[in-house]
Amino acid sequence: MITHKQSMINLPNNDKWFILSLGGSLIVPNGGIDVDFLEKFTDLIRKKVAEKNYHFFIICGGGSTARRYRDAGAAILGRKIPEEDLDWLGTHATRLNAQLLRTIFKEITYQKVIKHYEFIDKQALNHHVVIAAGWKPGWSTDYDAVLLATDYRVTDTVINLSNIKGVFDKDPKTNPDAKFFSKLSWQELSKIVGTKWSPGMNAPFDPIASQLAQQQGIKVIVCDGYDIQNLDNILEGKKFVGTSIG
């Protein structure tokens, strides 16, 4: 059953749900699809479904696929691509990655990929794994992940899986002296990432999504998605390495 967003839903049972925002840089880094990572990630999710009856929303980022299409378009046109077109390229890259995840999890996942956020699809809650993707220009997958938390109300926390261990005061890949934060308020994060978002922006969490999360009382954990044991610790409520925001 699909309902308009004004008709909010209640979780039908006491199943434990998690919302994972799976960074595109983990799925498709510069070297192509990271099969080794995806095998480890999907093994963990399957284990949690089988042993703990956990349920997951997994929203996929675009990764290097979006950047390659952006660069190809700019090279052919000989100029920068308008932001709206950049957004559409990124959105469809997330949808391609989402279809890959839907295929990998096929026997335990909802066969529809969530990619329209003006509606709430109640049928999604009948499945252990629900895959989601980007929606439209102006909306990052970070923002969509927060929408999943506010619309479906299965959890008040989004786990953002990145290719760095958390939030730093500057890019740790180019600044060895970057300071790591284990905990931040939304106001403190805003001082680091600013208040504006643009397609392909390199930020630990989208500034616009941050504003919505703050308004809706949603917490976010930013962590290194490559560290599968660390993700397991987060799912089990154990000590973990990452940045808690909110």
Foldseek 3Di string as FASTA:
>chain_A
DKAFLVPFDDQPDLAAEAEEEEEQCQQQNPVGGDPVLVVLVVVVLVCCCVPVVHAYEYFYWQYCQLVVVQVVVCVVVVHHDDQQVSFVSRQVSRVVSLVVVCVVCVVQADNDEAADLRMDDPVRSVGRYHYYTYHGGPAGVLLVSCSCCQRNVSDQEYEYADQAAEDWLDDCVVPVPTHDAQEEELVRQCVRQPQDDTRPDDHQGGNVSSVSSNVRVHKYWYGHSSPSVQVVCVVVVHDHGTYIYD
